[in-house]
């Protein structure tokens, strides 16, 4: 499951759980692009409920759309990642260092209130 929820004018909340196949990845990325269309200086709350690596076909879909995904990331200033996996939190924050203008901070899933406050600050 990959669910994109608009939360106000310039914020998206994303919930991810389970393993994505190619069709689910295609739908998820289309939804993400569509709901990000009018966002400027956006915020994103990414809740990783239960992480599984996507299928190889799903990864291929994601790689094929990398150029548009880079453009999409420029619409966001901050992203909070909720996860109970230490390695996933570290990778998320490392990704933030790779994208100028996008600050990513990781929190455990029980720190949602703190993540919301950080996004709003």
N, C-alpha and C. Protein backbone atom coordinates (compact mmCIF):
# COMPACT_ATOMS: atom_id res chain seq x y z
N UNK A 1 0.84 -1.18 0.00
CA UNK A 1 0.00 0.00 0.00
C UNK A 1 0.89 1.24 0.00
N UNK A 2 0.54 2.18 -0.82
CA UNK A 2 1.20 3.47 -0.91
C UNK A 2 0.09 4.48 -1.10
N UNK A 3 -0.23 5.22 -0.04
CA UNK A 3 -1.37 6.13 -0.07
C UNK A 3 -0.86 7.56 0.07
N UNK A 4 -1.30 8.43 -0.85
CA UNK A 4 -0.93 9.85 -0.83
C UNK A 4 -2.17 10.64 -0.44
N UNK A 5 -2.06 11.42 0.65
CA UNK A 5 -3.19 12.16 1.18
C UNK A 5 -2.83 13.64 1.22
N UNK A 6 -3.67 14.49 0.60
CA UNK A 6 -3.45 15.92 0.70
C UNK A 6 -3.87 16.37 2.09
N UNK A 7 -2.98 17.12 2.74
CA UNK A 7 -3.24 17.59 4.09
C UNK A 7 -3.01 19.10 4.08
N UNK A 8 -3.98 19.85 3.59
CA UNK A 8 -3.83 21.29 3.45
C UNK A 8 -3.31 21.63 2.07
N UNK A 9 -2.98 22.91 1.89
CA UNK A 9 -2.59 23.42 0.58
C UNK A 9 -1.20 22.92 0.15
N UNK A 10 -0.25 22.94 1.04
CA UNK A 10 1.13 22.63 0.68
C UNK A 10 1.71 21.46 1.46
N UNK A 11 0.88 20.50 1.78
CA UNK A 11 1.39 19.34 2.51
C UNK A 11 0.77 18.06 1.98
N UNK A 12 1.63 17.04 1.89
CA UNK A 12 1.18 15.70 1.56
C UNK A 12 1.57 14.76 2.67
N UNK A 13 0.70 13.85 3.00
CA UNK A 13 1.00 12.77 3.92
C UNK A 13 1.02 11.48 3.10
N UNK A 14 2.05 10.70 3.29
CA UNK A 14 2.21 9.46 2.55
C UNK A 14 2.28 8.32 3.53
N UNK A 15 1.50 7.29 3.30
CA UNK A 15 1.55 6.08 4.12
C UNK A 15 2.03 4.94 3.24
N UNK A 16 3.00 4.20 3.76
CA UNK A 16 3.53 3.07 3.00
C UNK A 16 3.57 1.84 3.88
N UNK A 17 3.09 0.74 3.32
CA UNK A 17 3.09 -0.52 4.06
C UNK A 17 3.11 -1.66 3.05
N UNK A 18 3.90 -2.66 3.34
CA UNK A 18 3.94 -3.84 2.49
C UNK A 18 4.84 -3.67 1.29
N UNK A 19 4.77 -4.62 0.39
CA UNK A 19 5.63 -4.67 -0.79
C UNK A 19 4.84 -4.18 -2.01
N UNK A 20 5.43 -3.24 -2.75
CA UNK A 20 4.78 -2.72 -3.95
C UNK A 20 5.20 -3.51 -5.18
N UNK A 21 4.24 -3.80 -6.04
CA UNK A 21 4.56 -4.38 -7.34
C UNK A 21 4.59 -3.24 -8.37
N UNK A 22 4.86 -3.56 -9.62
CA UNK A 22 5.02 -2.54 -10.66
C UNK A 22 3.76 -1.70 -10.84
N UNK A 23 2.61 -2.33 -10.91
CA UNK A 23 1.36 -1.58 -11.11
C UNK A 23 1.07 -0.67 -9.92
N UNK A 24 1.27 -1.15 -8.71
CA UNK A 24 1.06 -0.32 -7.53
C UNK A 24 2.04 0.86 -7.51
N UNK A 25 3.29 0.63 -7.91
CA UNK A 25 4.28 1.70 -7.97
C UNK A 25 3.87 2.75 -9.00
N UNK A 26 3.41 2.31 -10.16
CA UNK A 26 2.97 3.23 -11.21
C UNK A 26 1.83 4.10 -10.70
N UNK A 27 0.85 3.49 -10.07
CA UNK A 27 -0.31 4.23 -9.54
C UNK A 27 0.14 5.20 -8.45
N UNK A 28 1.02 4.74 -7.56
CA UNK A 28 1.49 5.57 -6.45
C UNK A 28 2.24 6.80 -6.96
N UNK A 29 3.14 6.60 -7.92
CA UNK A 29 3.91 7.73 -8.44
C UNK A 29 3.02 8.70 -9.22
N UNK A 30 2.06 8.18 -9.98
CA UNK A 30 1.12 9.06 -10.67
C UNK A 30 0.32 9.90 -9.68
N UNK A 31 -0.12 9.28 -8.59
CA UNK A 31 -0.88 9.97 -7.56
C UNK A 31 -0.01 11.04 -6.88
N UNK A 32 1.22 10.70 -6.60
CA UNK A 32 2.15 11.64 -5.96
C UNK A 32 2.39 12.85 -6.86
N UNK A 33 2.63 12.62 -8.13
CA UNK A 33 2.85 13.72 -9.08
C UNK A 33 1.60 14.59 -9.19
N UNK A 34 0.45 13.95 -9.32
CA UNK A 34 -0.81 14.67 -9.46
C UNK A 34 -1.10 15.55 -8.25
N UNK A 35 -0.94 15.01 -7.06
CA UNK A 35 -1.27 15.76 -5.85
C UNK A 35 -0.20 16.79 -5.49
N UNK A 36 0.97 16.72 -6.11
CA UNK A 36 2.04 17.69 -5.87
C UNK A 36 2.01 18.84 -6.87
N UNK A 37 1.16 18.74 -7.85
CA UNK A 37 1.16 19.66 -8.99
C UNK A 37 1.22 21.13 -8.59
N UNK A 38 0.41 21.57 -7.66
CA UNK A 38 0.32 22.99 -7.29
C UNK A 38 1.04 23.33 -6.00
N UNK A 39 1.84 22.44 -5.49
CA UNK A 39 2.53 22.68 -4.22
C UNK A 39 3.76 23.54 -4.44
N UNK A 40 3.95 24.50 -3.54
CA UNK A 40 5.15 25.32 -3.49
C UNK A 40 5.60 25.38 -2.03
N UNK A 41 6.89 25.22 -1.81
CA UNK A 41 7.45 25.22 -0.44
C UNK A 41 6.69 24.23 0.44
N UNK A 42 6.51 23.04 -0.07
CA UNK A 42 5.69 22.04 0.58
C UNK A 42 6.37 21.31 1.73
N UNK A 43 5.54 20.61 2.44
CA UNK A 43 5.94 19.75 3.56
C UNK A 43 5.38 18.36 3.27
N UNK A 44 6.11 17.35 3.73
CA UNK A 44 5.68 15.98 3.50
C UNK A 44 5.88 15.17 4.78
N UNK A 45 4.87 14.42 5.16
CA UNK A 45 4.97 13.49 6.28
C UNK A 45 4.88 12.09 5.70
N UNK A 46 5.95 11.34 5.83
CA UNK A 46 6.07 10.02 5.22
C UNK A 46 6.03 8.98 6.33
N UNK A 47 4.96 8.24 6.43
CA UNK A 47 4.79 7.24 7.49
C UNK A 47 5.06 5.85 6.92
N UNK A 48 6.19 5.29 7.30
CA UNK A 48 6.57 3.95 6.85
C UNK A 48 6.06 2.96 7.89
N UNK A 49 4.90 2.41 7.63
CA UNK A 49 4.22 1.54 8.59
C UNK A 49 4.91 0.18 8.67
N UNK A 50 5.16 -0.40 7.52
CA UNK A 50 5.78 -1.72 7.46
C UNK A 50 6.56 -1.80 6.15
N UNK A 51 7.86 -1.62 6.21
CA UNK A 51 8.67 -1.51 5.00
C UNK A 51 9.07 -2.87 4.46
N UNK A 52 8.87 -3.03 3.16
CA UNK A 52 9.38 -4.17 2.41
C UNK A 52 9.96 -3.62 1.12
N UNK A 53 11.06 -4.17 0.66
CA UNK A 53 11.61 -3.73 -0.61
C UNK A 53 10.58 -3.98 -1.71
N UNK A 54 10.42 -3.01 -2.63
CA UNK A 54 9.49 -3.22 -3.74
C UNK A 54 10.00 -4.32 -4.67
N UNK A 55 9.12 -4.83 -5.50
CA UNK A 55 9.52 -5.84 -6.48
C UNK A 55 10.51 -5.22 -7.46
N UNK A 56 11.26 -6.06 -8.18
CA UNK A 56 12.21 -5.56 -9.16
C UNK A 56 11.52 -4.74 -10.26
N UNK A 57 10.35 -5.19 -10.67
CA UNK A 57 9.59 -4.44 -11.68
C UNK A 57 9.18 -3.06 -11.14
N UNK A 58 8.83 -2.99 -9.87
CA UNK A 58 8.45 -1.71 -9.27
C UNK A 58 9.66 -0.78 -9.19
N UNK A 59 10.82 -1.32 -8.87
CA UNK A 59 12.05 -0.52 -8.83
C UNK A 59 12.37 0.01 -10.22
N UNK A 60 12.16 -0.80 -11.24
CA UNK A 60 12.39 -0.36 -12.62
C UNK A 60 11.47 0.81 -12.97
N UNK A 61 10.22 0.75 -12.55
CA UNK A 61 9.27 1.85 -12.79
C UNK A 61 9.78 3.11 -12.10
N UNK A 62 10.22 2.97 -10.85
CA UNK A 62 10.71 4.13 -10.10
C UNK A 62 11.93 4.74 -10.79
N UNK A 63 12.88 3.92 -11.20
CA UNK A 63 14.07 4.43 -11.89
C UNK A 63 13.71 5.11 -13.20
N UNK A 64 12.73 4.59 -13.91
CA UNK A 64 12.34 5.19 -15.19
C UNK A 64 11.75 6.58 -14.99
N UNK A 65 11.30 6.87 -13.79
CA UNK A 65 10.68 8.16 -13.52
C UNK A 65 11.56 9.08 -12.68
N UNK A 66 12.82 8.73 -12.51
CA UNK A 66 13.71 9.55 -11.68
C UNK A 66 13.75 11.02 -12.09
N UNK A 67 13.87 11.35 -13.37
CA UNK A 67 13.91 12.78 -13.72
C UNK A 67 12.69 13.56 -13.21
N UNK A 68 11.51 13.01 -13.37
CA UNK A 68 10.32 13.72 -12.89
C UNK A 68 10.26 13.73 -11.37
N UNK A 69 10.81 12.70 -10.71
CA UNK A 69 10.82 12.67 -9.25
C UNK A 69 11.75 13.74 -8.68
N UNK A 70 12.88 13.98 -9.35
CA UNK A 70 13.79 15.04 -8.91
C UNK A 70 13.09 16.39 -9.00
N UNK A 71 12.36 16.61 -10.06
CA UNK A 71 11.61 17.86 -10.20
C UNK A 71 10.55 18.00 -9.13
N UNK A 72 9.91 16.91 -8.80
CA UNK A 72 8.88 16.91 -7.78
C UNK A 72 9.47 17.28 -6.42
N UNK A 73 10.65 16.76 -6.10
CA UNK A 73 11.27 17.03 -4.81
C UNK A 73 11.57 18.51 -4.61
N UNK A 74 11.77 19.25 -5.70
CA UNK A 74 12.05 20.68 -5.60
C UNK A 74 10.85 21.46 -5.09
N UNK A 75 9.68 20.85 -5.11
CA UNK A 75 8.47 21.51 -4.62
C UNK A 75 8.37 21.48 -3.10
N UNK A 76 9.23 20.69 -2.46
CA UNK A 76 9.14 20.50 -1.01
C UNK A 76 10.37 21.05 -0.31
N UNK A 77 10.14 21.69 0.85
CA UNK A 77 11.22 22.22 1.68
C UNK A 77 11.59 21.26 2.81
N UNK A 78 10.60 20.55 3.31
CA UNK A 78 10.81 19.67 4.47
C UNK A 78 10.03 18.37 4.31
N UNK A 79 10.65 17.31 4.82
CA UNK A 79 9.97 16.02 4.87
C UNK A 79 10.31 15.35 6.20
N UNK A 80 9.30 14.89 6.88
CA UNK A 80 9.48 14.12 8.11
C UNK A 80 9.17 12.66 7.78
N UNK A 81 10.06 11.78 8.20
CA UNK A 81 9.90 10.35 7.95
C UNK A 81 9.65 9.66 9.28
N UNK A 82 8.55 8.94 9.36
CA UNK A 82 8.23 8.15 10.56
C UNK A 82 8.55 6.69 10.26
N UNK A 83 9.44 6.13 11.06
CA UNK A 83 9.80 4.72 10.88
C UNK A 83 10.40 4.19 12.17
N UNK A 84 10.19 2.92 12.43
CA UNK A 84 10.82 2.28 13.59
C UNK A 84 12.09 1.53 13.21
N UNK A 85 12.46 1.60 11.93
CA UNK A 85 13.68 0.94 11.46
C UNK A 85 14.82 1.96 11.47
N UNK A 86 15.83 1.72 12.29
CA UNK A 86 16.95 2.65 12.43
C UNK A 86 17.63 2.90 11.09
N UNK A 87 17.89 1.84 10.33
CA UNK A 87 18.60 2.01 9.07
C UNK A 87 17.81 2.84 8.08
N UNK A 88 16.49 2.72 8.10
CA UNK A 88 15.64 3.47 7.19
C UNK A 88 15.64 4.96 7.57
N UNK A 89 15.67 5.24 8.85
CA UNK A 89 15.74 6.62 9.30
C UNK A 89 17.07 7.25 8.88
N UNK A 90 18.16 6.51 9.01
CA UNK A 90 19.47 7.04 8.62
C UNK A 90 19.55 7.27 7.11
N UNK A 91 19.04 6.33 6.33
CA UNK A 91 19.04 6.49 4.88
C UNK A 91 18.21 7.70 4.48
N UNK A 92 17.07 7.91 5.13
CA UNK A 92 16.21 9.04 4.82
C UNK A 92 16.93 10.36 5.06
N UNK A 93 17.59 10.48 6.20
CA UNK A 93 18.29 11.72 6.50
C UNK A 93 19.48 11.91 5.56
N UNK A 94 20.14 10.83 5.16
CA UNK A 94 21.23 10.92 4.19
C UNK A 94 20.70 11.44 2.86
N UNK A 95 19.53 10.97 2.44
CA UNK A 95 18.93 11.44 1.19
C UNK A 95 18.68 12.94 1.24
N UNK A 96 18.30 13.44 2.42
CA UNK A 96 18.08 14.88 2.58
C UNK A 96 19.34 15.68 2.29
N UNK A 97 20.50 15.11 2.62
CA UNK A 97 21.77 15.79 2.36
C UNK A 97 22.08 15.83 0.86
N UNK A 98 21.51 14.93 0.09
CA UNK A 98 21.76 14.86 -1.34
C UNK A 98 20.93 15.85 -2.16
N UNK A 99 19.86 16.37 -1.58
CA UNK A 99 18.96 17.26 -2.30
C UNK A 99 18.96 18.65 -1.68
N UNK A 100 19.71 19.58 -2.27
CA UNK A 100 19.73 20.95 -1.73
C UNK A 100 18.32 21.53 -1.68
N UNK A 101 18.02 22.18 -0.58
CA UNK A 101 16.71 22.81 -0.44
C UNK A 101 15.67 21.91 0.20
N UNK A 102 15.99 20.63 0.38
CA UNK A 102 15.05 19.70 1.01
C UNK A 102 15.68 19.18 2.30
N UNK A 103 15.05 19.49 3.40
CA UNK A 103 15.51 19.02 4.71
C UNK A 103 14.65 17.83 5.11
N UNK A 104 15.31 16.71 5.41
CA UNK A 104 14.60 15.50 5.83
C UNK A 104 15.04 15.15 7.24
N UNK A 105 14.07 14.93 8.09
CA UNK A 105 14.35 14.54 9.47
C UNK A 105 13.53 13.29 9.78
N UNK A 106 14.18 12.33 10.42
CA UNK A 106 13.52 11.06 10.74
C UNK A 106 13.10 11.00 12.20
N UNK A 107 11.98 10.35 12.42
CA UNK A 107 11.40 10.17 13.75
C UNK A 107 10.91 8.74 13.88
N UNK A 108 10.80 8.25 15.11
CA UNK A 108 10.15 6.96 15.30
C UNK A 108 8.65 7.15 15.11
N UNK A 109 7.95 6.09 14.85
CA UNK A 109 6.51 6.20 14.56
C UNK A 109 5.71 6.73 15.74
N UNK A 110 6.22 6.57 16.97
CA UNK A 110 5.50 7.10 18.12
C UNK A 110 5.84 8.58 18.37
N UNK A 111 6.63 9.19 17.51
CA UNK A 111 6.97 10.60 17.63
C UNK A 111 6.23 11.45 16.59
N UNK A 112 5.06 11.04 16.23
CA UNK A 112 4.29 11.75 15.20
C UNK A 112 4.04 13.20 15.61
N UNK A 113 3.72 13.44 16.86
CA UNK A 113 3.46 14.81 17.33
C UNK A 113 4.69 15.69 17.13
N UNK A 114 5.86 15.14 17.47
CA UNK A 114 7.10 15.88 17.31
C UNK A 114 7.39 16.15 15.82
N UNK A 115 7.12 15.15 14.99
CA UNK A 115 7.33 15.31 13.54
C UNK A 115 6.41 16.39 12.99
N UNK A 116 5.15 16.39 13.41
CA UNK A 116 4.19 17.40 12.96
C UNK A 116 4.65 18.79 13.39
N UNK A 117 5.14 18.90 14.62
CA UNK A 117 5.63 20.19 15.12
C UNK A 117 6.84 20.65 14.32
N UNK A 118 7.75 19.74 14.00
CA UNK A 118 8.93 20.09 13.23
C UNK A 118 8.54 20.56 11.83
N UNK A 119 7.60 19.88 11.21
CA UNK A 119 7.13 20.29 9.88
C UNK A 119 6.53 21.69 9.92
N UNK A 120 5.84 22.02 10.99
CA UNK A 120 5.15 23.30 11.10
C UNK A 120 6.07 24.45 11.51
N UNK A 121 7.25 24.13 12.05
CA UNK A 121 8.14 25.19 12.55
C UNK A 121 8.85 25.91 11.45
